[in-house]
Amino acid sequence: MIFPNNNFLKIYIAAPYSAETEEERRKNTEVVIDAALILFQKGHFPYVPHLTHWVDKRAKETDISLNWKDYIKWHRPWLETCDAFLYLNSSKGADLELQMAKDLNKLIFYSVDEIPLAKNNEIVKPIGNR
């Protein structure tokens, strides 16, 4: 595999976020964070759009109105700058981002297992084993 940055990939992770309950949104966020941790251990640099979960919570607390389209707009520049795209599961947003990634000719992966170790990388030890 050719690494655009010579050694590693910047990888945008797409998966469902929206859900009926706060607990479901938190769980959706954790799924993406878990994938990001694996990618980081492989020597890559993931972008986790789901971390705007905390932005959304704070926006609501401070009466700032952000909607679904605002978050798509927020994440697009990051998708554009990433080398690759990891699509974990289908949702309205993830499917739209997948199409954007295809239109931008990004490397597309459908599983963390498909993504090789970064070149010249020492595997980062799992956080729980420190």
N, C-alpha and C. Protein backbone atom coordinates (compact mmCIF):
# COMPACT_ATOMS: atom_id res chain seq x y z
N MET A 1 0.84 -1.18 0.00
CA MET A 1 0.00 0.00 0.00
C MET A 1 0.88 1.24 0.00
N ILE A 2 0.48 2.24 -0.75
CA ILE A 2 1.20 3.51 -0.78
C ILE A 2 0.59 4.43 0.27
N PHE A 3 1.43 4.92 1.16
CA PHE A 3 0.98 5.85 2.19
C PHE A 3 1.24 7.27 1.70
N PRO A 4 0.19 8.09 1.56
CA PRO A 4 0.37 9.46 1.06
C PRO A 4 1.35 10.29 1.88
N ASN A 5 1.45 10.03 3.17
CA ASN A 5 2.35 10.80 4.03
C ASN A 5 3.66 10.05 4.27
N ASN A 6 3.97 9.10 3.41
CA ASN A 6 5.17 8.27 3.49
C ASN A 6 5.11 7.20 4.57
N ASN A 7 4.46 7.45 5.68
CA ASN A 7 4.48 6.49 6.77
C ASN A 7 3.12 6.12 7.36
N PHE A 8 2.14 6.98 7.27
CA PHE A 8 0.88 6.77 7.97
C PHE A 8 -0.29 7.35 7.17
N LEU A 9 -1.48 7.06 7.65
CA LEU A 9 -2.69 7.60 7.04
C LEU A 9 -3.45 8.46 8.05
N LYS A 10 -4.03 9.53 7.57
CA LYS A 10 -5.02 10.29 8.34
C LYS A 10 -6.37 9.71 7.90
N ILE A 11 -7.10 9.13 8.83
CA ILE A 11 -8.29 8.36 8.49
C ILE A 11 -9.54 8.96 9.14
N TYR A 12 -10.50 9.30 8.32
CA TYR A 12 -11.80 9.80 8.76
C TYR A 12 -12.68 8.58 9.05
N ILE A 13 -13.34 8.56 10.19
CA ILE A 13 -14.18 7.42 10.56
C ILE A 13 -15.65 7.81 10.49
N ALA A 14 -16.42 7.06 9.73
CA ALA A 14 -17.85 7.31 9.58
C ALA A 14 -18.65 6.14 10.12
N ALA A 15 -19.68 6.47 10.88
CA ALA A 15 -20.58 5.47 11.46
C ALA A 15 -21.81 6.21 11.98
N PRO A 16 -22.87 5.50 12.30
CA PRO A 16 -24.06 6.17 12.83
C PRO A 16 -23.76 6.94 14.11
N TYR A 17 -24.39 8.10 14.23
CA TYR A 17 -24.34 8.87 15.47
C TYR A 17 -25.76 9.11 15.99
N SER A 18 -26.61 9.66 15.15
CA SER A 18 -27.96 10.05 15.57
C SER A 18 -28.70 8.86 16.16
N ALA A 19 -29.45 9.16 17.22
CA ALA A 19 -30.25 8.12 17.89
C ALA A 19 -31.32 8.81 18.73
N GLU A 20 -32.26 8.03 19.17
CA GLU A 20 -33.37 8.55 19.96
C GLU A 20 -32.96 9.04 21.35
N THR A 21 -31.99 8.35 21.95
CA THR A 21 -31.63 8.69 23.33
C THR A 21 -30.18 9.13 23.44
N GLU A 22 -29.90 9.85 24.50
CA GLU A 22 -28.53 10.28 24.81
C GLU A 22 -27.62 9.06 25.00
N GLU A 23 -28.13 8.04 25.66
CA GLU A 23 -27.35 6.81 25.90
C GLU A 23 -26.95 6.16 24.57
N GLU A 24 -27.87 6.09 23.61
CA GLU A 24 -27.56 5.51 22.30
C GLU A 24 -26.53 6.34 21.55
N ARG A 25 -26.64 7.67 21.62
CA ARG A 25 -25.64 8.54 20.97
C ARG A 25 -24.27 8.36 21.62
N ARG A 26 -24.24 8.23 22.93
CA ARG A 26 -22.98 7.99 23.63
C ARG A 26 -22.36 6.67 23.19
N LYS A 27 -23.18 5.63 23.11
CA LYS A 27 -22.68 4.31 22.67
C LYS A 27 -22.16 4.38 21.23
N ASN A 28 -22.88 5.08 20.36
CA ASN A 28 -22.42 5.25 18.98
C ASN A 28 -21.07 5.96 18.94
N THR A 29 -20.90 6.93 19.81
CA THR A 29 -19.64 7.66 19.90
C THR A 29 -18.52 6.73 20.37
N GLU A 30 -18.81 5.90 21.35
CA GLU A 30 -17.79 4.98 21.87
C GLU A 30 -17.33 3.97 20.82
N VAL A 31 -18.23 3.52 19.96
CA VAL A 31 -17.86 2.58 18.89
C VAL A 31 -16.78 3.21 18.00
N VAL A 32 -16.97 4.47 17.67
CA VAL A 32 -16.01 5.15 16.79
C VAL A 32 -14.71 5.43 17.53
N ILE A 33 -14.81 5.81 18.79
CA ILE A 33 -13.59 6.03 19.58
C ILE A 33 -12.79 4.74 19.69
N ASP A 34 -13.47 3.62 19.90
CA ASP A 34 -12.77 2.33 19.97
C ASP A 34 -12.03 2.03 18.67
N ALA A 35 -12.68 2.30 17.53
CA ALA A 35 -12.02 2.09 16.23
C ALA A 35 -10.81 3.02 16.10
N ALA A 36 -10.97 4.26 16.54
CA ALA A 36 -9.88 5.23 16.46
C ALA A 36 -8.68 4.78 17.29
N LEU A 37 -8.94 4.22 18.45
CA LEU A 37 -7.84 3.74 19.29
C LEU A 37 -7.07 2.61 18.60
N ILE A 38 -7.78 1.73 17.94
CA ILE A 38 -7.12 0.65 17.19
C ILE A 38 -6.26 1.24 16.07
N LEU A 39 -6.82 2.21 15.34
CA LEU A 39 -6.06 2.82 14.24
C LEU A 39 -4.82 3.54 14.76
N PHE A 40 -4.97 4.21 15.89
CA PHE A 40 -3.81 4.89 16.47
C PHE A 40 -2.75 3.87 16.89
N GLN A 41 -3.18 2.75 17.45
CA GLN A 41 -2.24 1.70 17.81
C GLN A 41 -1.52 1.15 16.59
N LYS A 42 -2.16 1.20 15.43
CA LYS A 42 -1.54 0.76 14.20
C LYS A 42 -0.62 1.82 13.60
N GLY A 43 -0.57 3.00 14.23
CA GLY A 43 0.32 4.04 13.77
C GLY A 43 -0.31 5.10 12.88
N HIS A 44 -1.63 5.10 12.78
CA HIS A 44 -2.33 6.07 11.95
C HIS A 44 -2.94 7.16 12.83
N PHE A 45 -3.50 8.17 12.18
CA PHE A 45 -4.08 9.30 12.89
C PHE A 45 -5.54 9.46 12.49
N PRO A 46 -6.45 8.94 13.32
CA PRO A 46 -7.87 8.98 13.00
C PRO A 46 -8.52 10.33 13.31
N TYR A 47 -9.51 10.68 12.51
CA TYR A 47 -10.38 11.81 12.81
C TYR A 47 -11.71 11.23 13.27
N VAL A 48 -12.17 11.66 14.44
CA VAL A 48 -13.38 11.12 15.06
C VAL A 48 -14.47 12.19 15.04
N PRO A 49 -15.30 12.23 14.00
CA PRO A 49 -16.34 13.24 13.94
C PRO A 49 -17.34 13.13 15.10
N HIS A 50 -17.46 11.96 15.67
CA HIS A 50 -18.40 11.74 16.77
C HIS A 50 -18.02 12.51 18.03
N LEU A 51 -16.80 13.01 18.10
CA LEU A 51 -16.42 13.80 19.27
C LEU A 51 -17.18 15.12 19.34
N THR A 52 -17.82 15.50 18.24
CA THR A 52 -18.69 16.68 18.32
C THR A 52 -19.96 16.36 19.12
N HIS A 53 -20.06 15.13 19.58
CA HIS A 53 -21.10 14.77 20.57
C HIS A 53 -21.02 15.75 21.74
N TRP A 54 -19.79 16.06 22.16
CA TRP A 54 -19.58 16.96 23.30
C TRP A 54 -19.88 18.40 22.90
N VAL A 55 -19.58 18.76 21.66
CA VAL A 55 -19.93 20.08 21.16
C VAL A 55 -21.46 20.24 21.17
N ASP A 56 -22.15 19.21 20.71
CA ASP A 56 -23.61 19.25 20.65
C ASP A 56 -24.21 19.41 22.05
N LYS A 57 -23.67 18.65 23.00
CA LYS A 57 -24.15 18.77 24.38
C LYS A 57 -23.95 20.19 24.90
N ARG A 58 -22.76 20.74 24.68
CA ARG A 58 -22.47 22.08 25.17
C ARG A 58 -23.30 23.14 24.45
N ALA A 59 -23.49 22.96 23.16
CA ALA A 59 -24.32 23.90 22.40
C ALA A 59 -25.73 23.97 22.98
N LYS A 60 -26.28 22.81 23.29
CA LYS A 60 -27.63 22.78 23.88
C LYS A 60 -27.65 23.46 25.25
N GLU A 61 -26.61 23.26 26.03
CA GLU A 61 -26.53 23.88 27.36
C GLU A 61 -26.44 25.40 27.28
N THR A 62 -25.86 25.90 26.19
CA THR A 62 -25.67 27.34 26.04
C THR A 62 -26.63 27.96 25.03
N ASP A 63 -27.67 27.22 24.70
CA ASP A 63 -28.73 27.71 23.79
C ASP A 63 -28.22 28.10 22.41
N ILE A 64 -27.21 27.37 21.95
CA ILE A 64 -26.75 27.54 20.57
C ILE A 64 -27.39 26.44 19.74
N SER A 65 -28.02 26.84 18.67
CA SER A 65 -28.75 25.89 17.85
C SER A 65 -27.88 25.38 16.69
N LEU A 66 -27.54 24.11 16.75
CA LEU A 66 -26.82 23.44 15.66
C LEU A 66 -27.67 22.27 15.20
N ASN A 67 -27.79 22.10 13.89
CA ASN A 67 -28.59 20.99 13.38
C ASN A 67 -27.70 20.00 12.60
N TRP A 68 -28.32 18.97 12.10
CA TRP A 68 -27.62 17.90 11.40
C TRP A 68 -26.75 18.44 10.28
N LYS A 69 -27.30 19.35 9.48
CA LYS A 69 -26.55 19.92 8.35
C LYS A 69 -25.33 20.71 8.83
N ASP A 70 -25.45 21.36 9.99
CA ASP A 70 -24.30 22.08 10.54
C ASP A 70 -23.14 21.13 10.82
N TYR A 71 -23.45 19.95 11.33
CA TYR A 71 -22.38 19.00 11.64
C TYR A 71 -21.78 18.40 10.38
N ILE A 72 -22.59 18.17 9.36
CA ILE A 72 -22.06 17.70 8.08
C ILE A 72 -21.10 18.76 7.53
N LYS A 73 -21.50 20.02 7.61
CA LYS A 73 -20.65 21.13 7.16
C LYS A 73 -19.36 21.20 8.00
N TRP A 74 -19.48 20.99 9.30
CA TRP A 74 -18.33 21.03 10.24
C TRP A 74 -17.28 19.99 9.84
N HIS A 75 -17.77 18.79 9.48
CA HIS A 75 -16.86 17.67 9.25
C HIS A 75 -16.28 17.62 7.83
N ARG A 76 -16.94 18.23 6.87
CA ARG A 76 -16.48 18.11 5.48
C ARG A 76 -15.02 18.52 5.27
N PRO A 77 -14.57 19.67 5.80
CA PRO A 77 -13.15 20.02 5.57
C PRO A 77 -12.18 18.98 6.12
N TRP A 78 -12.57 18.31 7.21
CA TRP A 78 -11.70 17.26 7.77
C TRP A 78 -11.70 16.04 6.86
N LEU A 79 -12.86 15.70 6.31
CA LEU A 79 -12.93 14.60 5.37
C LEU A 79 -12.06 14.90 4.15
N GLU A 80 -12.10 16.13 3.69
CA GLU A 80 -11.30 16.51 2.52
C GLU A 80 -9.80 16.38 2.78
N THR A 81 -9.36 16.64 4.01
CA THR A 81 -7.91 16.60 4.29
C THR A 81 -7.40 15.21 4.66
N CYS A 82 -8.29 14.30 4.97
CA CYS A 82 -7.86 12.94 5.32
C CYS A 82 -7.40 12.19 4.08
N ASP A 83 -6.52 11.21 4.30
CA ASP A 83 -6.02 10.36 3.22
C ASP A 83 -6.97 9.21 2.93
N ALA A 84 -7.67 8.77 3.98
CA ALA A 84 -8.48 7.57 3.86
C ALA A 84 -9.77 7.73 4.65
N PHE A 85 -10.67 6.79 4.42
CA PHE A 85 -12.01 6.86 4.99
C PHE A 85 -12.37 5.46 5.49
N LEU A 86 -12.80 5.39 6.72
CA LEU A 86 -13.25 4.12 7.31
C LEU A 86 -14.76 4.20 7.52
N TYR A 87 -15.49 3.34 6.84
CA TYR A 87 -16.95 3.29 6.91
C TYR A 87 -17.34 2.08 7.75
N LEU A 88 -17.84 2.36 8.96
CA LEU A 88 -18.15 1.27 9.89
C LEU A 88 -19.57 0.73 9.76
N ASN A 89 -20.51 1.61 9.43
CA ASN A 89 -21.90 1.16 9.34
C ASN A 89 -22.73 2.25 8.68
N SER A 90 -23.89 1.86 8.20
CA SER A 90 -24.75 2.76 7.45
C SER A 90 -25.60 3.66 8.34
N SER A 91 -25.72 4.91 7.91
CA SER A 91 -26.67 5.87 8.46
C SER A 91 -26.79 6.97 7.41
N LYS A 92 -27.73 7.86 7.60
CA LYS A 92 -27.89 8.96 6.64
C LYS A 92 -26.58 9.74 6.49
N GLY A 93 -25.97 10.11 7.61
CA GLY A 93 -24.73 10.89 7.57
C GLY A 93 -23.54 10.09 7.06
N ALA A 94 -23.38 8.87 7.56
CA ALA A 94 -22.25 8.03 7.14
C ALA A 94 -22.33 7.72 5.65
N ASP A 95 -23.54 7.47 5.15
CA ASP A 95 -23.71 7.19 3.73
C ASP A 95 -23.36 8.41 2.88
N LEU A 96 -23.78 9.59 3.34
CA LEU A 96 -23.44 10.83 2.64
C LEU A 96 -21.93 11.05 2.65
N GLU A 97 -21.30 10.82 3.79
CA GLU A 97 -19.85 10.98 3.89
C GLU A 97 -19.11 9.95 3.02
N LEU A 98 -19.64 8.73 2.95
CA LEU A 98 -19.04 7.71 2.07
C LEU A 98 -19.06 8.19 0.62
N GLN A 99 -20.17 8.75 0.20
CA GLN A 99 -20.24 9.25 -1.18
C GLN A 99 -19.26 10.39 -1.39
N MET A 100 -19.14 11.28 -0.41
CA MET A 100 -18.15 12.37 -0.50
C MET A 100 -16.74 11.79 -0.64
N ALA A 101 -16.44 10.78 0.19
CA ALA A 101 -15.11 10.17 0.14
C ALA A 101 -14.84 9.55 -1.23
N LYS A 102 -15.85 8.90 -1.79
CA LYS A 102 -15.70 8.33 -3.14
C LYS A 102 -15.46 9.43 -4.16
N ASP A 103 -16.24 10.52 -4.05
CA ASP A 103 -16.10 11.64 -4.99
C ASP A 103 -14.71 12.29 -4.88
N LEU A 104 -14.12 12.23 -3.69
CA LEU A 104 -12.79 12.81 -3.45
C LEU A 104 -11.66 11.80 -3.70
N ASN A 105 -12.02 10.61 -4.17
CA ASN A 105 -11.05 9.54 -4.47
C ASN A 105 -10.19 9.16 -3.27
N LYS A 106 -10.82 9.09 -2.09
CA LYS A 106 -10.11 8.68 -0.88
C LYS A 106 -9.94 7.16 -0.88
N LEU A 107 -8.93 6.67 -0.20
CA LEU A 107 -8.83 5.24 0.08
C LEU A 107 -10.01 4.91 0.99
N ILE A 108 -10.74 3.86 0.70
CA ILE A 108 -11.92 3.53 1.50
C ILE A 108 -11.75 2.14 2.09
N PHE A 109 -12.00 2.07 3.39
CA PHE A 109 -11.94 0.82 4.13
C PHE A 109 -13.30 0.60 4.79
N TYR A 110 -13.61 -0.68 5.00
CA TYR A 110 -14.89 -1.04 5.61
C TYR A 110 -14.71 -1.77 6.95
N SER A 111 -13.47 -1.90 7.37
CA SER A 111 -13.17 -2.56 8.64
C SER A 111 -11.79 -2.11 9.10
N VAL A 112 -11.60 -2.01 10.41
CA VAL A 112 -10.26 -1.67 10.92
C VAL A 112 -9.26 -2.76 10.56
N ASP A 113 -9.74 -3.99 10.39
CA ASP A 113 -8.86 -5.11 10.04
C ASP A 113 -8.25 -4.96 8.65
N GLU A 114 -8.89 -4.22 7.75
CA GLU A 114 -8.38 -4.01 6.40
C GLU A 114 -7.20 -3.04 6.37
N ILE A 115 -7.04 -2.26 7.42
CA ILE A 115 -6.06 -1.19 7.42
C ILE A 115 -4.73 -1.73 7.95
N PRO A 116 -3.69 -1.65 7.13
CA PRO A 116 -2.40 -2.20 7.55
C PRO A 116 -1.72 -1.32 8.59
N LEU A 117 -0.71 -1.87 9.23
CA LEU A 117 0.11 -1.08 10.12
C LEU A 117 0.78 0.03 9.33
N ALA A 118 0.99 1.16 9.98
CA ALA A 118 1.73 2.24 9.35
C ALA A 118 3.17 1.78 9.13
N LYS A 119 3.80 2.31 8.11
CA LYS A 119 5.19 1.96 7.84
C LYS A 119 6.09 2.53 8.92
N ASN A 120 7.14 1.80 9.22
CA ASN A 120 8.14 2.26 10.21
C ASN A 120 7.50 2.69 11.52
N ASN A 121 6.52 1.94 11.96
CA ASN A 121 5.80 2.33 13.16
C ASN A 121 6.00 1.31 14.27
N GLU A 122 6.24 1.82 15.45
CA GLU A 122 6.19 0.97 16.63
C GLU A 122 4.75 0.91 17.04
N ILE A 123 4.23 -0.27 17.26
CA ILE A 123 2.84 -0.39 17.68
C ILE A 123 2.69 0.23 19.05
N VAL A 124 1.71 1.09 19.18
CA VAL A 124 1.44 1.75 20.46
C VAL A 124 0.78 0.74 21.39
N LYS A 125 1.26 0.66 22.61
CA LYS A 125 0.69 -0.28 23.56
C LYS A 125 -0.75 0.10 23.90
N PRO A 126 -1.63 -0.89 24.05
CA PRO A 126 -3.01 -0.58 24.44
C PRO A 126 -3.04 0.22 25.74
N ILE A 127 -3.97 1.14 25.81
CA ILE A 127 -4.07 2.03 26.96
C ILE A 127 -4.22 1.25 28.27
N GLY A 128 -4.99 0.18 28.25
CA GLY A 128 -5.23 -0.58 29.47
C GLY A 128 -4.03 -1.36 29.96
N ASN A 129 -2.97 -1.45 29.18
CA ASN A 129 -1.80 -2.25 29.56
C ASN A 129 -0.61 -1.40 29.98
N ARG A 130 -0.83 -0.20 30.41
CA ARG A 130 0.30 0.68 30.79
C ARG A 130 0.71 0.45 32.20
